[in-house]
């Protein structure tokens, strides 16, 4: 397990975690003077931990946060308490994270496990009245609880900003296109007082093509 994992996150990319961090996370001795001066550091260790989850280091999703319910949701707290009734107060948040992860991946579980699997005999999956209210509360965005990704290298943060910018430009295109159509009608697409539909369509397609080219670049 440890050897295979170390092979996974130390190869296959030119942006792998530092080898020292890999060795230290695996608990291997580096040997000689290196054991004295090459020490554990939080940043490298977090980078290794995030890489071993299997997320692609070349995609902005590498910085993804785990699914989680809104903090303080009474429905979630009530059902969590019912399902994990013997847990102490200080581990209730752990139970919520476990619960939301199971519900978030329920489609994958149903696809890969048989219907007779003991997992589906548990109350959360056997009782629709328990499952549906929680499923409707699954996160749809990044959340507003202040949680931040750790172990994220600089290039992934840049990729995330580029991804957000591209999405913003795509939304901008939807807003700008109607305005440009009106402008084309008024200024460029009239011949002897008549609107030339072919001219308007051609110029509109040229505009959208140029805008999409900017987004792709």
N, C-alpha and C. Protein backbone atom coordinates (compact mmCIF):
# COMPACT_ATOMS: atom_id res chain seq x y z
N UNK A 1 0.83 -1.19 0.00
CA UNK A 1 0.00 0.00 0.00
C UNK A 1 0.87 1.25 0.00
N UNK A 2 1.82 1.30 0.93
CA UNK A 2 2.67 2.48 1.03
C UNK A 2 3.56 2.62 -0.20
N UNK A 3 4.11 1.51 -0.68
CA UNK A 3 5.00 1.56 -1.84
C UNK A 3 4.24 1.97 -3.10
N UNK A 4 3.07 1.38 -3.30
CA UNK A 4 2.29 1.72 -4.48
C UNK A 4 1.84 3.17 -4.48
N UNK A 5 1.43 3.65 -3.31
CA UNK A 5 1.01 5.05 -3.19
C UNK A 5 2.17 5.99 -3.47
N UNK A 6 3.33 5.68 -2.94
CA UNK A 6 4.50 6.53 -3.17
C UNK A 6 4.87 6.58 -4.64
N UNK A 7 4.74 5.45 -5.32
CA UNK A 7 5.00 5.43 -6.76
C UNK A 7 4.01 6.31 -7.50
N UNK A 8 2.75 6.28 -7.06
CA UNK A 8 1.70 7.06 -7.72
C UNK A 8 1.98 8.55 -7.65
N UNK A 9 2.26 9.08 -6.44
CA UNK A 9 2.39 10.53 -6.36
C UNK A 9 3.81 11.04 -6.53
N UNK A 10 4.73 10.17 -6.95
CA UNK A 10 6.08 10.65 -7.26
C UNK A 10 6.43 10.44 -8.73
N UNK A 11 5.44 10.07 -9.54
CA UNK A 11 5.69 9.86 -10.97
C UNK A 11 4.45 10.24 -11.76
N UNK A 12 4.60 10.29 -13.07
CA UNK A 12 3.46 10.59 -13.93
C UNK A 12 3.21 12.05 -14.17
N UNK A 13 4.04 12.92 -13.62
CA UNK A 13 3.87 14.35 -13.81
C UNK A 13 5.20 15.05 -13.55
N UNK A 14 5.36 16.23 -14.17
CA UNK A 14 6.56 17.03 -13.91
C UNK A 14 6.34 17.97 -12.73
N UNK A 15 5.17 17.87 -12.10
CA UNK A 15 4.86 18.75 -10.96
C UNK A 15 4.52 17.93 -9.73
N UNK A 16 5.27 16.86 -9.50
CA UNK A 16 5.02 15.98 -8.35
C UNK A 16 5.45 16.65 -7.05
N UNK A 17 4.97 16.17 -5.91
CA UNK A 17 5.42 16.68 -4.62
C UNK A 17 6.92 16.46 -4.44
N UNK A 18 7.57 17.26 -3.60
CA UNK A 18 9.01 17.08 -3.35
C UNK A 18 9.31 15.67 -2.85
N UNK A 19 10.40 15.11 -3.34
CA UNK A 19 10.74 13.73 -2.98
C UNK A 19 10.99 13.59 -1.48
N UNK A 20 11.54 14.63 -0.87
CA UNK A 20 11.78 14.59 0.58
C UNK A 20 10.46 14.44 1.32
N UNK A 21 9.45 15.20 0.89
CA UNK A 21 8.13 15.12 1.53
C UNK A 21 7.52 13.73 1.35
N UNK A 22 7.75 13.13 0.19
CA UNK A 22 7.25 11.78 -0.06
C UNK A 22 7.90 10.78 0.89
N UNK A 23 9.21 10.87 1.03
CA UNK A 23 9.94 9.95 1.91
C UNK A 23 9.49 10.10 3.36
N UNK A 24 9.33 11.34 3.79
CA UNK A 24 8.95 11.57 5.18
C UNK A 24 7.53 11.10 5.45
N UNK A 25 6.61 11.32 4.50
CA UNK A 25 5.23 10.84 4.70
C UNK A 25 5.20 9.31 4.74
N UNK A 26 6.05 8.66 3.96
CA UNK A 26 6.09 7.20 3.95
C UNK A 26 6.83 6.63 5.15
N UNK A 27 7.55 7.49 5.88
CA UNK A 27 8.28 7.02 7.05
C UNK A 27 9.60 6.37 6.72
N UNK A 28 10.17 6.74 5.56
CA UNK A 28 11.44 6.16 5.15
C UNK A 28 12.60 7.05 5.53
N UNK A 29 13.70 6.44 5.89
CA UNK A 29 14.92 7.17 6.21
C UNK A 29 15.61 7.60 4.92
N UNK A 30 16.03 8.86 4.87
CA UNK A 30 16.73 9.36 3.69
C UNK A 30 18.20 8.99 3.76
N UNK A 31 18.70 8.88 4.96
CA UNK A 31 20.08 8.43 5.14
C UNK A 31 21.09 9.54 5.25
N UNK A 32 22.14 9.29 6.04
CA UNK A 32 23.26 10.22 6.14
C UNK A 32 22.88 11.58 6.70
N UNK A 33 23.58 12.58 6.22
CA UNK A 33 23.39 13.94 6.71
C UNK A 33 22.02 14.49 6.33
N UNK A 34 21.39 13.90 5.32
CA UNK A 34 20.08 14.39 4.88
C UNK A 34 19.01 14.22 5.96
N UNK A 35 19.11 13.15 6.74
CA UNK A 35 18.14 12.94 7.82
C UNK A 35 18.21 14.05 8.86
N UNK A 36 19.33 14.70 8.95
CA UNK A 36 19.50 15.75 9.95
C UNK A 36 18.97 17.09 9.47
N UNK A 37 19.12 17.38 8.19
CA UNK A 37 18.81 18.73 7.70
C UNK A 37 17.54 18.81 6.85
N UNK A 38 17.09 17.70 6.30
CA UNK A 38 15.86 17.72 5.50
C UNK A 38 14.72 17.26 6.39
N UNK A 39 13.95 18.24 6.87
CA UNK A 39 12.94 17.97 7.88
C UNK A 39 11.52 18.06 7.33
N UNK A 40 10.58 17.58 8.16
CA UNK A 40 9.16 17.66 7.83
C UNK A 40 8.72 19.12 7.78
N UNK A 41 7.92 19.44 6.78
CA UNK A 41 7.34 20.77 6.67
C UNK A 41 5.87 20.63 6.28
N UNK A 42 5.05 21.50 6.83
CA UNK A 42 3.60 21.38 6.62
C UNK A 42 3.21 21.46 5.15
N UNK A 43 3.78 22.42 4.42
CA UNK A 43 3.37 22.64 3.02
C UNK A 43 3.61 21.40 2.17
N UNK A 44 4.81 20.82 2.27
CA UNK A 44 5.12 19.64 1.47
C UNK A 44 4.28 18.44 1.87
N UNK A 45 4.04 18.29 3.17
CA UNK A 45 3.25 17.15 3.65
C UNK A 45 1.80 17.26 3.19
N UNK A 46 1.26 18.48 3.22
CA UNK A 46 -0.12 18.69 2.75
C UNK A 46 -0.23 18.44 1.25
N UNK A 47 0.80 18.81 0.52
CA UNK A 47 0.83 18.58 -0.93
C UNK A 47 0.79 17.08 -1.21
N UNK A 48 1.57 16.31 -0.47
CA UNK A 48 1.58 14.85 -0.63
C UNK A 48 0.20 14.28 -0.30
N UNK A 49 -0.38 14.75 0.80
CA UNK A 49 -1.68 14.25 1.22
C UNK A 49 -2.77 14.51 0.19
N UNK A 50 -2.73 15.68 -0.44
CA UNK A 50 -3.74 16.00 -1.45
C UNK A 50 -3.50 15.19 -2.73
N UNK A 51 -2.25 14.96 -3.08
CA UNK A 51 -1.95 14.19 -4.29
C UNK A 51 -2.41 12.75 -4.17
N UNK A 52 -2.28 12.17 -3.00
CA UNK A 52 -2.60 10.76 -2.82
C UNK A 52 -4.11 10.50 -2.88
N UNK A 53 -4.92 11.55 -2.87
CA UNK A 53 -6.37 11.37 -3.03
C UNK A 53 -6.73 10.94 -4.44
N UNK A 54 -5.81 11.11 -5.39
CA UNK A 54 -6.08 10.69 -6.76
C UNK A 54 -6.55 11.81 -7.66
N UNK A 55 -6.65 13.03 -7.15
CA UNK A 55 -7.05 14.17 -7.97
C UNK A 55 -5.95 14.49 -8.98
N UNK A 56 -6.35 14.93 -10.17
CA UNK A 56 -5.38 15.25 -11.21
C UNK A 56 -4.67 16.56 -10.88
N UNK A 57 -3.36 16.50 -10.84
CA UNK A 57 -2.57 17.67 -10.48
C UNK A 57 -2.52 18.69 -11.61
N UNK A 58 -3.00 18.32 -12.78
CA UNK A 58 -2.98 19.21 -13.94
C UNK A 58 -4.34 19.86 -14.19
N UNK A 59 -5.26 19.71 -13.25
CA UNK A 59 -6.60 20.29 -13.39
C UNK A 59 -6.91 21.19 -12.20
N UNK A 60 -7.75 22.22 -12.41
CA UNK A 60 -8.11 23.09 -11.28
C UNK A 60 -8.85 22.35 -10.18
N UNK A 61 -9.48 21.20 -10.52
CA UNK A 61 -10.20 20.42 -9.51
C UNK A 61 -9.27 19.82 -8.46
N UNK A 62 -7.96 19.92 -8.68
CA UNK A 62 -7.01 19.44 -7.68
C UNK A 62 -7.20 20.19 -6.36
N UNK A 63 -7.71 21.41 -6.43
CA UNK A 63 -7.93 22.22 -5.23
C UNK A 63 -9.32 22.03 -4.65
N UNK A 64 -10.05 21.02 -5.10
CA UNK A 64 -11.43 20.83 -4.66
C UNK A 64 -11.50 20.54 -3.16
N UNK A 65 -12.57 21.02 -2.56
CA UNK A 65 -12.84 20.75 -1.15
C UNK A 65 -13.84 19.60 -1.04
N UNK A 66 -13.87 18.91 0.08
CA UNK A 66 -14.82 17.81 0.23
C UNK A 66 -16.25 18.33 0.34
N UNK A 67 -17.23 17.52 -0.03
CA UNK A 67 -18.62 17.95 0.15
C UNK A 67 -18.93 18.09 1.63
N UNK A 68 -19.74 19.07 1.98
CA UNK A 68 -20.12 19.24 3.38
C UNK A 68 -21.44 20.00 3.45
N UNK A 69 -22.18 19.72 4.52
CA UNK A 69 -23.44 20.40 4.75
C UNK A 69 -23.18 21.80 5.30
N UNK A 70 -24.20 22.63 5.23
CA UNK A 70 -24.10 23.95 5.83
C UNK A 70 -23.97 23.80 7.35
N UNK A 71 -23.10 24.61 7.93
CA UNK A 71 -22.90 24.55 9.38
C UNK A 71 -24.16 25.01 10.10
N UNK A 72 -24.55 24.26 11.11
CA UNK A 72 -25.70 24.65 11.93
C UNK A 72 -27.05 24.26 11.37
N UNK A 73 -27.10 23.47 10.32
CA UNK A 73 -28.37 23.03 9.75
C UNK A 73 -29.05 22.07 10.74
N UNK A 74 -30.21 22.47 11.24
CA UNK A 74 -30.89 21.69 12.27
C UNK A 74 -31.34 20.33 11.76
N UNK A 75 -31.78 20.27 10.51
CA UNK A 75 -32.22 18.99 9.94
C UNK A 75 -31.06 18.01 9.88
N UNK A 76 -29.90 18.50 9.45
CA UNK A 76 -28.71 17.65 9.37
C UNK A 76 -28.29 17.19 10.76
N UNK A 77 -28.28 18.11 11.70
CA UNK A 77 -27.86 17.77 13.06
C UNK A 77 -28.80 16.74 13.70
N UNK A 78 -30.09 16.90 13.45
CA UNK A 78 -31.07 15.97 14.03
C UNK A 78 -30.90 14.57 13.48
N UNK A 79 -30.72 14.47 12.16
CA UNK A 79 -30.59 13.16 11.54
C UNK A 79 -29.23 12.54 11.82
N UNK A 80 -28.21 13.36 11.93
CA UNK A 80 -26.89 12.84 12.30
C UNK A 80 -26.93 12.26 13.71
N UNK A 81 -27.61 12.97 14.61
CA UNK A 81 -27.75 12.47 15.97
C UNK A 81 -28.53 11.17 16.05
N UNK A 82 -29.51 11.02 15.15
CA UNK A 82 -30.30 9.78 15.13
C UNK A 82 -29.46 8.61 14.62
N UNK A 83 -28.66 8.86 13.58
CA UNK A 83 -27.87 7.79 12.97
C UNK A 83 -26.65 7.43 13.79
N UNK A 84 -26.06 8.44 14.45
CA UNK A 84 -24.85 8.22 15.25
C UNK A 84 -25.15 8.62 16.70
N UNK A 85 -26.11 7.95 17.29
CA UNK A 85 -26.64 8.39 18.59
C UNK A 85 -25.67 8.20 19.75
N UNK A 86 -24.63 7.42 19.56
CA UNK A 86 -23.69 7.16 20.66
C UNK A 86 -22.43 8.02 20.58
N UNK A 87 -22.37 8.89 19.61
CA UNK A 87 -21.18 9.72 19.47
C UNK A 87 -21.17 10.85 20.48
N UNK A 88 -19.99 11.21 20.91
CA UNK A 88 -19.84 12.35 21.80
C UNK A 88 -19.84 13.65 21.00
N UNK A 89 -20.04 14.75 21.69
CA UNK A 89 -20.22 16.05 21.05
C UNK A 89 -19.01 16.45 20.21
N UNK A 90 -17.82 16.11 20.67
CA UNK A 90 -16.61 16.59 19.99
C UNK A 90 -16.31 15.88 18.67
N UNK A 91 -17.06 14.84 18.32
CA UNK A 91 -16.84 14.17 17.04
C UNK A 91 -18.08 14.22 16.14
N UNK A 92 -19.03 15.07 16.49
CA UNK A 92 -20.24 15.18 15.67
C UNK A 92 -19.92 15.69 14.27
N UNK A 93 -18.96 16.62 14.17
CA UNK A 93 -18.60 17.16 12.86
C UNK A 93 -17.99 16.07 11.97
N UNK A 94 -17.24 15.16 12.57
CA UNK A 94 -16.68 14.03 11.82
C UNK A 94 -17.80 13.17 11.26
N UNK A 95 -18.83 12.96 12.07
CA UNK A 95 -19.98 12.17 11.62
C UNK A 95 -20.69 12.85 10.45
N UNK A 96 -20.81 14.18 10.50
CA UNK A 96 -21.46 14.91 9.41
C UNK A 96 -20.67 14.77 8.11
N UNK A 97 -19.35 14.87 8.20
CA UNK A 97 -18.51 14.73 7.01
C UNK A 97 -18.61 13.31 6.44
N UNK A 98 -18.66 12.33 7.31
CA UNK A 98 -18.82 10.95 6.85
C UNK A 98 -20.16 10.75 6.16
N UNK A 99 -21.19 11.31 6.76
CA UNK A 99 -22.54 11.16 6.23
C UNK A 99 -22.69 11.83 4.87
N UNK A 100 -22.21 13.06 4.74
CA UNK A 100 -22.36 13.78 3.47
C UNK A 100 -21.54 13.12 2.37
N UNK A 101 -20.41 12.52 2.72
CA UNK A 101 -19.61 11.83 1.71
C UNK A 101 -20.34 10.60 1.17
N UNK A 102 -21.00 9.86 2.05
CA UNK A 102 -21.77 8.69 1.62
C UNK A 102 -22.93 9.09 0.72
N UNK A 103 -23.64 10.15 1.11
CA UNK A 103 -24.80 10.58 0.32
C UNK A 103 -24.35 11.18 -1.01
N UNK A 104 -23.26 11.92 -0.99
CA UNK A 104 -22.75 12.56 -2.20
C UNK A 104 -22.36 11.52 -3.25
N UNK A 105 -21.84 10.37 -2.79
CA UNK A 105 -21.38 9.33 -3.71
C UNK A 105 -22.36 8.17 -3.82
N UNK A 106 -23.61 8.41 -3.48
CA UNK A 106 -24.58 7.32 -3.44
C UNK A 106 -24.78 6.68 -4.82
N UNK A 107 -24.74 7.47 -5.88
CA UNK A 107 -24.92 6.91 -7.23
C UNK A 107 -23.78 5.97 -7.59
N UNK A 108 -22.57 6.34 -7.21
CA UNK A 108 -21.40 5.49 -7.47
C UNK A 108 -21.50 4.20 -6.66
N UNK A 109 -21.93 4.32 -5.41
CA UNK A 109 -22.07 3.14 -4.57
C UNK A 109 -23.10 2.17 -5.13
N UNK A 110 -24.22 2.71 -5.60
CA UNK A 110 -25.27 1.85 -6.16
C UNK A 110 -24.83 1.22 -7.47
N UNK A 111 -23.96 1.89 -8.17
CA UNK A 111 -23.48 1.36 -9.45
C UNK A 111 -22.49 0.22 -9.24
N UNK A 112 -21.67 0.33 -8.21
CA UNK A 112 -20.57 -0.62 -8.03
C UNK A 112 -20.84 -1.71 -6.99
N UNK A 113 -21.84 -1.51 -6.16
CA UNK A 113 -22.15 -2.51 -5.14
C UNK A 113 -23.48 -3.17 -5.45
N UNK A 114 -23.63 -4.41 -5.05
CA UNK A 114 -24.88 -5.12 -5.29
C UNK A 114 -25.97 -4.60 -4.35
N UNK A 115 -27.21 -4.83 -4.73
CA UNK A 115 -28.34 -4.36 -3.92
C UNK A 115 -28.38 -5.06 -2.57
N UNK A 116 -27.78 -6.25 -2.49
CA UNK A 116 -27.78 -7.00 -1.24
C UNK A 116 -26.63 -6.62 -0.31
N UNK A 117 -25.84 -5.66 -0.71
CA UNK A 117 -24.70 -5.26 0.11
C UNK A 117 -25.19 -4.71 1.46
N UNK A 118 -24.53 -5.09 2.55
CA UNK A 118 -24.95 -4.62 3.88
C UNK A 118 -25.01 -3.09 4.00
N UNK A 119 -24.23 -2.43 3.18
CA UNK A 119 -24.21 -0.97 3.20
C UNK A 119 -25.61 -0.39 2.99
N UNK A 120 -26.39 -1.02 2.11
CA UNK A 120 -27.71 -0.49 1.79
C UNK A 120 -28.78 -0.95 2.78
N UNK A 121 -28.38 -1.73 3.78
CA UNK A 121 -29.32 -2.13 4.82
C UNK A 121 -29.28 -1.18 6.01
N UNK A 122 -28.34 -0.24 5.98
CA UNK A 122 -28.25 0.74 7.07
C UNK A 122 -29.44 1.69 7.00
N UNK A 123 -29.82 2.29 8.12
CA UNK A 123 -31.02 3.15 8.16
C UNK A 123 -30.99 4.29 7.16
N UNK A 124 -29.83 4.89 6.93
CA UNK A 124 -29.76 6.06 6.07
C UNK A 124 -30.16 5.75 4.64
N UNK A 125 -29.89 4.53 4.18
CA UNK A 125 -30.23 4.17 2.80
C UNK A 125 -31.52 3.35 2.72
N UNK A 126 -31.89 2.72 3.80
CA UNK A 126 -33.11 1.92 3.80
C UNK A 126 -34.35 2.76 4.05
N UNK A 127 -34.18 3.91 4.70
CA UNK A 127 -35.31 4.78 5.06
C UNK A 127 -35.29 6.03 4.18
N UNK A 128 -36.23 6.12 3.24
CA UNK A 128 -36.28 7.27 2.32
C UNK A 128 -36.55 8.57 3.06
N UNK A 129 -37.29 8.51 4.18
CA UNK A 129 -37.59 9.72 4.94
C UNK A 129 -36.33 10.31 5.56
N UNK A 130 -35.33 9.49 5.77
CA UNK A 130 -34.05 9.98 6.28
C UNK A 130 -33.16 10.49 5.16
N UNK A 131 -33.17 9.77 4.05
CA UNK A 131 -32.24 10.06 2.96
C UNK A 131 -32.61 11.32 2.18
N UNK A 132 -33.86 11.46 1.79
CA UNK A 132 -34.26 12.54 0.89
C UNK A 132 -33.98 13.94 1.44
N UNK A 133 -34.32 14.24 2.70
CA UNK A 133 -34.01 15.58 3.21
C UNK A 133 -32.52 15.90 3.22
N UNK A 134 -31.70 14.88 3.47
CA UNK A 134 -30.26 15.10 3.47
C UNK A 134 -29.73 15.24 2.04
N UNK A 135 -30.27 14.44 1.13
CA UNK A 135 -29.82 14.50 -0.26
C UNK A 135 -30.13 15.87 -0.87
N UNK A 136 -31.25 16.46 -0.48
CA UNK A 136 -31.62 17.78 -1.00
C UNK A 136 -30.73 18.89 -0.46
N UNK A 137 -29.97 18.60 0.57
CA UNK A 137 -29.08 19.59 1.17
C UNK A 137 -27.62 19.41 0.74
N UNK A 138 -27.40 18.59 -0.25
CA UNK A 138 -26.03 18.43 -0.75
C UNK A 138 -25.51 19.75 -1.28
N UNK A 139 -24.22 20.01 -1.12
CA UNK A 139 -23.66 21.28 -1.57
C UNK A 139 -23.71 21.42 -3.07
N UNK A 140 -24.02 22.64 -3.53
CA UNK A 140 -24.06 22.93 -4.96
C UNK A 140 -22.95 23.88 -5.38
N UNK A 141 -22.23 24.43 -4.42
CA UNK A 141 -21.15 25.38 -4.73
C UNK A 141 -19.96 25.11 -3.85
N UNK A 142 -19.13 26.15 -3.68
CA UNK A 142 -17.90 26.00 -2.90
C UNK A 142 -18.15 26.15 -1.41
N UNK A 143 -19.39 26.57 -1.02
CA UNK A 143 -19.68 26.73 0.39
C UNK A 143 -19.25 28.09 0.90
N UNK A 144 -19.83 28.50 2.02
CA UNK A 144 -19.52 29.80 2.60
C UNK A 144 -19.07 29.66 4.05
N UNK A 145 -18.46 28.51 4.36
CA UNK A 145 -18.06 28.26 5.74
C UNK A 145 -16.62 28.64 6.02
N UNK A 146 -15.96 29.26 5.05
CA UNK A 146 -14.59 29.70 5.26
C UNK A 146 -13.54 28.63 5.08
N UNK A 147 -13.93 27.42 4.74
CA UNK A 147 -12.96 26.34 4.54
C UNK A 147 -12.10 26.63 3.31
N UNK A 148 -10.81 26.42 3.43
CA UNK A 148 -9.88 26.68 2.34
C UNK A 148 -9.06 25.43 2.03
N UNK A 149 -8.70 25.29 0.77
CA UNK A 149 -7.88 24.16 0.34
C UNK A 149 -6.45 24.33 0.84
N UNK A 150 -5.82 23.24 1.22
CA UNK A 150 -4.42 23.25 1.62
C UNK A 150 -3.64 22.28 0.73
N UNK A 151 -2.33 22.43 0.71
CA UNK A 151 -1.51 21.55 -0.10
C UNK A 151 -1.67 21.78 -1.59
N UNK A 152 -2.05 23.00 -1.97
CA UNK A 152 -2.29 23.32 -3.38
C UNK A 152 -1.08 24.07 -3.94
N UNK A 153 -0.42 23.54 -4.98
CA UNK A 153 0.74 24.23 -5.57
C UNK A 153 0.31 25.47 -6.34
N UNK A 154 1.24 26.40 -6.58
CA UNK A 154 0.90 27.67 -7.25
C UNK A 154 0.25 27.50 -8.62
N UNK A 155 0.71 26.52 -9.41
CA UNK A 155 0.17 26.41 -10.77
C UNK A 155 -1.30 26.01 -10.77
N UNK A 156 -1.73 25.28 -9.74
CA UNK A 156 -3.15 24.90 -9.66
C UNK A 156 -4.00 26.12 -9.31
N UNK A 157 -3.47 26.99 -8.47
CA UNK A 157 -4.20 28.22 -8.14
C UNK A 157 -4.36 29.09 -9.38
N UNK A 158 -3.32 29.14 -10.21
CA UNK A 158 -3.41 29.90 -11.46
C UNK A 158 -4.44 29.26 -12.39
N UNK A 159 -4.43 27.93 -12.48
CA UNK A 159 -5.42 27.23 -13.30
C UNK A 159 -6.84 27.52 -12.82
N UNK A 160 -7.02 27.58 -11.51
CA UNK A 160 -8.35 27.86 -10.95
C UNK A 160 -8.81 29.26 -11.34
N UNK A 161 -7.90 30.24 -11.29
CA UNK A 161 -8.25 31.60 -11.67
C UNK A 161 -8.59 31.68 -13.15
N UNK A 162 -7.83 30.97 -13.99
CA UNK A 162 -8.13 30.95 -15.43
C UNK A 162 -9.49 30.32 -15.68
N UNK A 163 -9.78 29.25 -14.96
CA UNK A 163 -11.08 28.57 -15.12
C UNK A 163 -12.22 29.50 -14.74
N UNK A 164 -12.08 30.23 -13.63
CA UNK A 164 -13.12 31.17 -13.22
C UNK A 164 -13.28 32.30 -14.23
N UNK A 165 -12.15 32.77 -14.78
CA UNK A 165 -12.21 33.85 -15.77
C UNK A 165 -12.91 33.40 -17.03
N UNK A 166 -12.63 32.19 -17.48
CA UNK A 166 -13.28 31.67 -18.68
C UNK A 166 -14.79 31.54 -18.47
N UNK A 167 -15.18 31.06 -17.30
CA UNK A 167 -16.62 30.95 -17.02
C UNK A 167 -17.28 32.32 -16.99
N UNK A 168 -16.56 33.31 -16.44
CA UNK A 168 -17.10 34.67 -16.40
C UNK A 168 -17.25 35.24 -17.80
N UNK A 169 -16.29 34.97 -18.68
CA UNK A 169 -16.36 35.46 -20.06
C UNK A 169 -17.50 34.80 -20.82
N UNK A 170 -17.74 33.52 -20.55
CA UNK A 170 -18.85 32.83 -21.21
C UNK A 170 -20.19 33.44 -20.80
N UNK A 171 -20.31 33.77 -19.52
CA UNK A 171 -21.53 34.43 -19.06
C UNK A 171 -21.65 35.82 -19.65
N UNK A 172 -20.51 36.50 -19.79
CA UNK A 172 -20.52 37.84 -20.37
C UNK A 172 -20.98 37.81 -21.81
N UNK A 173 -20.59 36.76 -22.55
CA UNK A 173 -21.01 36.64 -23.95
C UNK A 173 -22.53 36.59 -24.06
N UNK A 174 -23.17 35.87 -23.14
CA UNK A 174 -24.63 35.78 -23.17
C UNK A 174 -25.28 37.14 -22.92
N UNK A 175 -24.61 37.99 -22.14
CA UNK A 175 -25.17 39.32 -21.85
C UNK A 175 -24.88 40.31 -22.96
N UNK A 176 -23.71 40.18 -23.59
CA UNK A 176 -23.28 41.15 -24.60
C UNK A 176 -23.94 40.88 -25.94
N UNK A 177 -24.20 39.63 -26.25
CA UNK A 177 -24.72 39.27 -27.57
C UNK A 177 -26.01 40.01 -27.93
N UNK A 178 -27.03 40.08 -27.06
CA UNK A 178 -28.25 40.82 -27.43
C UNK A 178 -27.99 42.29 -27.70
N UNK A 179 -27.09 42.89 -26.91
CA UNK A 179 -26.77 44.31 -27.10
C UNK A 179 -26.11 44.52 -28.45
N UNK A 180 -25.20 43.62 -28.81
CA UNK A 180 -24.50 43.74 -30.09
C UNK A 180 -25.46 43.54 -31.26
N UNK A 181 -26.45 42.68 -31.09
CA UNK A 181 -27.42 42.49 -32.16
C UNK A 181 -28.17 43.78 -32.44
N UNK A 182 -28.56 44.46 -31.38
CA UNK A 182 -29.28 45.73 -31.55
C UNK A 182 -28.39 46.75 -32.24
N UNK A 183 -27.11 46.78 -31.82
CA UNK A 183 -26.17 47.73 -32.43
C UNK A 183 -25.96 47.43 -33.91
N UNK A 184 -25.87 46.14 -34.24
CA UNK A 184 -25.70 45.76 -35.64
C UNK A 184 -26.91 46.16 -36.47
N UNK A 185 -28.07 45.99 -35.92
CA UNK A 185 -29.29 46.35 -36.64
C UNK A 185 -29.32 47.85 -36.92
N UNK A 186 -28.94 48.63 -35.93
CA UNK A 186 -29.04 50.09 -36.06
C UNK A 186 -27.97 50.68 -36.97
N UNK A 187 -26.76 50.13 -36.90
CA UNK A 187 -25.63 50.80 -37.54
C UNK A 187 -25.11 50.12 -38.80
N UNK A 188 -25.25 48.79 -38.90
CA UNK A 188 -24.52 48.10 -39.94
C UNK A 188 -25.38 47.23 -40.85
N UNK A 189 -26.60 46.98 -40.50
CA UNK A 189 -27.35 45.96 -41.22
C UNK A 189 -28.57 46.51 -41.95
N UNK A 190 -28.53 47.75 -42.32
CA UNK A 190 -29.66 48.34 -43.01
C UNK A 190 -29.26 48.74 -44.42
N UNK A 191 -30.06 48.37 -45.39
CA UNK A 191 -29.85 48.77 -46.78
C UNK A 191 -31.16 49.34 -47.31
N UNK A 192 -31.16 50.64 -47.64
CA UNK A 192 -32.38 51.31 -48.12
C UNK A 192 -33.53 51.18 -47.13
N UNK A 193 -33.16 51.27 -45.83
CA UNK A 193 -34.20 51.21 -44.81
C UNK A 193 -34.64 49.82 -44.44
N UNK A 194 -34.05 48.79 -45.03
CA UNK A 194 -34.44 47.40 -44.76
C UNK A 194 -33.33 46.66 -44.04
N UNK A 195 -33.69 45.84 -43.10
CA UNK A 195 -32.71 45.03 -42.36
C UNK A 195 -32.37 43.80 -43.19
N UNK A 196 -31.07 43.62 -43.41
CA UNK A 196 -30.60 42.46 -44.16
C UNK A 196 -30.26 41.35 -43.17
N UNK A 197 -31.10 40.36 -43.10
CA UNK A 197 -30.93 39.28 -42.14
C UNK A 197 -29.61 38.54 -42.34
N UNK A 198 -29.22 38.33 -43.58
CA UNK A 198 -27.98 37.61 -43.86
C UNK A 198 -26.77 38.36 -43.33
N UNK A 199 -26.77 39.69 -43.51
CA UNK A 199 -25.66 40.50 -43.02
C UNK A 199 -25.61 40.47 -41.49
N UNK A 200 -26.76 40.59 -40.87
CA UNK A 200 -26.80 40.59 -39.41
C UNK A 200 -26.29 39.26 -38.85
N UNK A 201 -26.71 38.16 -39.44
CA UNK A 201 -26.28 36.84 -38.96
C UNK A 201 -24.79 36.65 -39.15
N UNK A 202 -24.26 37.10 -40.30
CA UNK A 202 -22.84 36.95 -40.58
C UNK A 202 -22.00 37.74 -39.59
N UNK A 203 -22.36 38.99 -39.35
CA UNK A 203 -21.58 39.83 -38.43
C UNK A 203 -21.71 39.33 -37.00
N UNK A 204 -22.90 38.83 -36.66
CA UNK A 204 -23.10 38.31 -35.31
C UNK A 204 -22.24 37.06 -35.08
N UNK A 205 -22.17 36.19 -36.07
CA UNK A 205 -21.34 34.98 -35.95
C UNK A 205 -19.87 35.33 -35.89
N UNK A 206 -19.45 36.35 -36.64
CA UNK A 206 -18.05 36.78 -36.58
C UNK A 206 -17.71 37.30 -35.19
N UNK A 207 -18.64 38.06 -34.61
CA UNK A 207 -18.41 38.59 -33.27
C UNK A 207 -18.29 37.45 -32.25
N UNK A 208 -19.24 36.51 -32.29
CA UNK A 208 -19.21 35.41 -31.33
C UNK A 208 -17.98 34.53 -31.54
N UNK A 209 -17.60 34.33 -32.81
CA UNK A 209 -16.41 33.53 -33.08
C UNK A 209 -15.16 34.16 -32.51
N UNK A 210 -15.02 35.47 -32.67
CA UNK A 210 -13.87 36.17 -32.11
C UNK A 210 -13.87 36.13 -30.61
N UNK A 211 -15.05 36.26 -30.00
CA UNK A 211 -15.14 36.24 -28.54
C UNK A 211 -14.78 34.86 -28.00
N UNK A 212 -15.27 33.81 -28.66
CA UNK A 212 -14.95 32.45 -28.22
C UNK A 212 -13.46 32.15 -28.38
N UNK A 213 -12.86 32.70 -29.41
CA UNK A 213 -11.42 32.51 -29.62
C UNK A 213 -10.64 33.10 -28.47
N UNK A 214 -11.07 34.26 -27.99
CA UNK A 214 -10.42 34.89 -26.84
C UNK A 214 -10.56 34.01 -25.61
N UNK A 215 -11.76 33.43 -25.42
CA UNK A 215 -12.00 32.57 -24.26
C UNK A 215 -11.11 31.32 -24.31
N UNK A 216 -11.00 30.71 -25.49
CA UNK A 216 -10.20 29.50 -25.63
C UNK A 216 -8.72 29.77 -25.41
N UNK A 217 -8.26 30.93 -25.83
CA UNK A 217 -6.84 31.26 -25.65
C UNK A 217 -6.52 31.62 -24.21
